[in-house]
Amino acid sequence: MAVVYDLFEEQKSELEKAFEKFHAKNPHIYQLFKQFTFQVTRTRDHYAVAAIWERIRWHLDVETNEAMRNPDDESRPLKLNNNHKAYYVRLFEADYPEYKGFFRTRKLTSKE
């Protein structure tokens, strides 16, 4: 798994740790994030990560016609935490630097 920041584990915020745990257990979410982002890069210079995030939700809830199961508790559906959006953007920009700036970002304030 790619690490978004070059920080020692104890220097990471709780939000970043939660993202990395979620990402490790749900690599298909990043695949969908990339798929839907690349689709929109064909027609736009900038886009809102919130729209991509909601598109993933729609895909999982409606298009696949099956609720994804939470890997921590198979009896519950998988939920997409909005806190993860900023980290997916940064991971995407690290993997594809040519798209840096496609999503507008703010400084992460969750750093401890």
C-alpha atoms as a PDB file:
ATOM      1  CA  MET A   1       0.000   0.000   0.000  1.00  0.00           C
ATOM      2  CA  ALA A   2       1.286   3.435  -0.894  1.00  0.00           C
ATOM      3  CA  VAL A   3       1.719   5.765   2.046  1.00  0.00           C
ATOM      4  CA  VAL A   4       0.299   9.223   1.463  1.00  0.00           C
ATOM      5  CA  TYR A   5       2.839  10.977   3.659  1.00  0.00           C
ATOM      6  CA  ASP A   6       6.381  10.216   4.703  1.00  0.00           C
ATOM      7  CA  LEU A   7       5.725  10.419   8.410  1.00  0.00           C
ATOM      8  CA  PHE A   8       6.533   8.129  11.265  1.00  0.00           C
ATOM      9  CA  GLU A   9       3.466   6.216  12.403  1.00  0.00           C
ATOM     10  CA  GLU A  10       3.227   8.144  15.692  1.00  0.00           C
ATOM     11  CA  GLN A  11       3.145  11.444  13.803  1.00  0.00           C
ATOM     12  CA  LYS A  12       0.080  10.544  11.764  1.00  0.00           C
ATOM     13  CA  SER A  13      -3.295  11.965  12.672  1.00  0.00           C
ATOM     14  CA  GLU A  14      -6.116   9.685  13.723  1.00  0.00           C
ATOM     15  CA  LEU A  15      -7.907  10.537  10.462  1.00  0.00           C
ATOM     16  CA  GLU A  16      -4.921   9.477   8.391  1.00  0.00           C
ATOM     17  CA  LYS A  17      -4.562   6.234  10.346  1.00  0.00           C
ATOM     18  CA  ALA A  18      -8.273   5.527   9.822  1.00  0.00           C
ATOM     19  CA  PHE A  19      -7.901   6.192   6.092  1.00  0.00           C
ATOM     20  CA  GLU A  20      -4.916   3.862   5.767  1.00  0.00           C
ATOM     21  CA  LYS A  21      -6.765   1.094   7.618  1.00  0.00           C
ATOM     22  CA  PHE A  22      -9.854   1.547   5.426  1.00  0.00           C
ATOM     23  CA  HIS A  23      -7.779   1.699   2.245  1.00  0.00           C
ATOM     24  CA  ALA A  24      -5.881  -1.479   3.120  1.00  0.00           C
ATOM     25  CA  LYS A  25      -9.131  -3.387   3.703  1.00  0.00           C
ATOM     26  CA  ASN A  26     -10.976  -1.897   0.713  1.00  0.00           C
ATOM     27  CA  PRO A  27      -8.631  -1.515  -2.269  1.00  0.00           C
ATOM     28  CA  HIS A  28     -11.616  -1.697  -4.621  1.00  0.00           C
ATOM     29  CA  ILE A  29     -12.691   1.770  -3.442  1.00  0.00           C
ATOM     30  CA  TYR A  30      -9.493   3.332  -4.780  1.00  0.00           C
ATOM     31  CA  GLN A  31      -9.953   1.422  -8.045  1.00  0.00           C
ATOM     32  CA  LEU A  32     -13.417   2.960  -8.380  1.00  0.00           C
ATOM     33  CA  PHE A  33     -12.047   6.371  -7.382  1.00  0.00           C
ATOM     34  CA  LYS A  34      -9.477   6.162 -10.178  1.00  0.00           C
ATOM     35  CA  GLN A  35     -11.967   4.786 -12.711  1.00  0.00           C
ATOM     36  CA  PHE A  36     -14.525   7.534 -12.151  1.00  0.00           C
ATOM     37  CA  THR A  37     -11.866  10.248 -11.927  1.00  0.00           C
ATOM     38  CA  PHE A  38     -10.297   9.221 -15.239  1.00  0.00           C
ATOM     39  CA  GLN A  39     -13.747   9.241 -16.845  1.00  0.00           C
ATOM     40  CA  VAL A  40     -14.329  12.844 -15.859  1.00  0.00           C
ATOM     41  CA  THR A  41     -10.797  14.010 -16.790  1.00  0.00           C
ATOM     42  CA  ARG A  42     -11.792  13.457 -20.437  1.00  0.00           C
ATOM     43  CA  THR A  43     -14.257  16.346 -20.276  1.00  0.00           C
ATOM     44  CA  ARG A  44     -13.180  18.571 -17.366  1.00  0.00           C
ATOM     45  CA  ASP A  45     -10.090  20.438 -16.197  1.00  0.00           C
ATOM     46  CA  HIS A  46     -11.238  20.490 -12.555  1.00  0.00           C
ATOM     47  CA  TYR A  47     -13.808  18.531 -10.620  1.00  0.00           C
ATOM     48  CA  ALA A  48     -15.214  18.083  -7.133  1.00  0.00           C
ATOM     49  CA  VAL A  49     -14.055  15.082  -5.150  1.00  0.00           C
ATOM     50  CA  ALA A  50     -17.470  15.047  -3.485  1.00  0.00           C
ATOM     51  CA  ALA A  51     -19.053  14.183  -6.845  1.00  0.00           C
ATOM     52  CA  ILE A  52     -16.644  11.265  -7.320  1.00  0.00           C
ATOM     53  CA  TRP A  53     -17.332  10.082  -3.770  1.00  0.00           C
ATOM     54  CA  GLU A  54     -21.094  10.161  -4.338  1.00  0.00           C
ATOM     55  CA  ARG A  55     -20.609   8.384  -7.667  1.00  0.00           C
ATOM     56  CA  ILE A  56     -18.822   5.572  -5.817  1.00  0.00           C
ATOM     57  CA  ARG A  57     -21.699   5.394  -3.347  1.00  0.00           C
ATOM     58  CA  TRP A  58     -24.205   5.231  -6.207  1.00  0.00           C
ATOM     59  CA  HIS A  59     -22.202   2.504  -7.911  1.00  0.00           C
ATOM     60  CA  LEU A  60     -22.001   0.390  -4.771  1.00  0.00           C
ATOM     61  CA  ASP A  61     -25.600   0.924  -3.677  1.00  0.00           C
ATOM     62  CA  VAL A  62     -27.450   0.965  -7.003  1.00  0.00           C
ATOM     63  CA  GLU A  63     -25.413  -0.218  -9.984  1.00  0.00           C
ATOM     64  CA  THR A  64     -23.936  -3.289  -8.358  1.00  0.00           C
ATOM     65  CA  ASN A  65     -27.341  -3.988  -6.830  1.00  0.00           C
ATOM     66  CA  GLU A  66     -25.678  -5.348  -3.734  1.00  0.00           C
ATOM     67  CA  ALA A  67     -24.552  -3.715  -0.555  1.00  0.00           C
ATOM     68  CA  MET A  68     -20.829  -4.099  -0.050  1.00  0.00           C
ATOM     69  CA  ARG A  69     -20.117  -5.726   3.303  1.00  0.00           C
ATOM     70  CA  ASN A  70     -18.013  -4.064   5.954  1.00  0.00           C
ATOM     71  CA  PRO A  71     -14.840  -6.171   6.316  1.00  0.00           C
ATOM     72  CA  ASP A  72     -14.826  -5.514  10.073  1.00  0.00           C
ATOM     73  CA  ASP A  73     -18.420  -6.688  10.498  1.00  0.00           C
ATOM     74  CA  GLU A  74     -19.929  -8.694   7.635  1.00  0.00           C
ATOM     75  CA  SER A  75     -23.435  -8.115   8.988  1.00  0.00           C
ATOM     76  CA  ARG A  76     -23.177  -4.372   8.240  1.00  0.00           C
ATOM     77  CA  PRO A  77     -22.939  -2.621   4.863  1.00  0.00           C
ATOM     78  CA  LEU A  78     -19.741  -0.835   3.916  1.00  0.00           C
ATOM     79  CA  LYS A  79     -19.956   2.885   4.617  1.00  0.00           C
ATOM     80  CA  LEU A  80     -17.810   5.518   2.935  1.00  0.00           C
ATOM     81  CA  ASN A  81     -16.555   8.023   5.480  1.00  0.00           C
ATOM     82  CA  ASN A  82     -16.354  11.554   4.077  1.00  0.00           C
ATOM     83  CA  ASN A  83     -13.145  12.055   6.070  1.00  0.00           C
ATOM     84  CA  HIS A  84     -11.366   9.756   3.599  1.00  0.00           C
ATOM     85  CA  LYS A  85     -11.982  11.937   0.536  1.00  0.00           C
ATOM     86  CA  ALA A  86      -9.038  14.271   1.150  1.00  0.00           C
ATOM     87  CA  TYR A  87      -6.671  11.323   1.535  1.00  0.00           C
ATOM     88  CA  TYR A  88      -7.889   9.657  -1.654  1.00  0.00           C
ATOM     89  CA  VAL A  89      -7.227  12.897  -3.525  1.00  0.00           C
ATOM     90  CA  ARG A  90      -3.700  13.065  -2.158  1.00  0.00           C
ATOM     91  CA  LEU A  91      -3.075   9.401  -2.919  1.00  0.00           C
ATOM     92  CA  PHE A  92      -4.347   9.932  -6.464  1.00  0.00           C
ATOM     93  CA  GLU A  93      -2.083  12.986  -6.906  1.00  0.00           C
ATOM     94  CA  ALA A  94       0.901  11.019  -5.596  1.00  0.00           C
ATOM     95  CA  ASP A  95       0.204   8.175  -8.026  1.00  0.00           C
ATOM     96  CA  TYR A  96      -0.634  10.477 -10.959  1.00  0.00           C
ATOM     97  CA  PRO A  97       1.231  13.771 -10.484  1.00  0.00           C
ATOM     98  CA  GLU A  98       0.148  14.947 -13.931  1.00  0.00           C
ATOM     99  CA  TYR A  99      -3.336  15.407 -12.428  1.00  0.00           C
ATOM    100  CA  LYS A 100      -2.210  17.470  -9.451  1.00  0.00           C
ATOM    101  CA  GLY A 101      -4.686  20.309  -9.131  1.00  0.00           C
ATOM    102  CA  PHE A 102      -7.531  18.472 -10.852  1.00  0.00           C
ATOM    103  CA  PHE A 103      -9.220  18.401  -7.469  1.00  0.00           C
ATOM    104  CA  ARG A 104      -8.999  21.563  -5.424  1.00  0.00           C
ATOM    105  CA  THR A 105      -7.518  20.850  -2.034  1.00  0.00           C
ATOM    106  CA  ARG A 106      -7.063  22.641   1.227  1.00  0.00           C
ATOM    107  CA  LYS A 107      -4.345  22.255   3.774  1.00  0.00           C
ATOM    108  CA  LEU A 108      -5.010  19.289   6.022  1.00  0.00           C
ATOM    109  CA  THR A 109      -5.739  20.628   9.479  1.00  0.00           C
ATOM    110  CA  SER A 110      -5.924  17.224  11.120  1.00  0.00           C
ATOM    111  CA  LYS A 111      -2.161  16.974  11.518  1.00  0.00           C
ATOM    112  CA  GLU A 112      -1.157  16.671  15.143  1.00  0.00           C
END
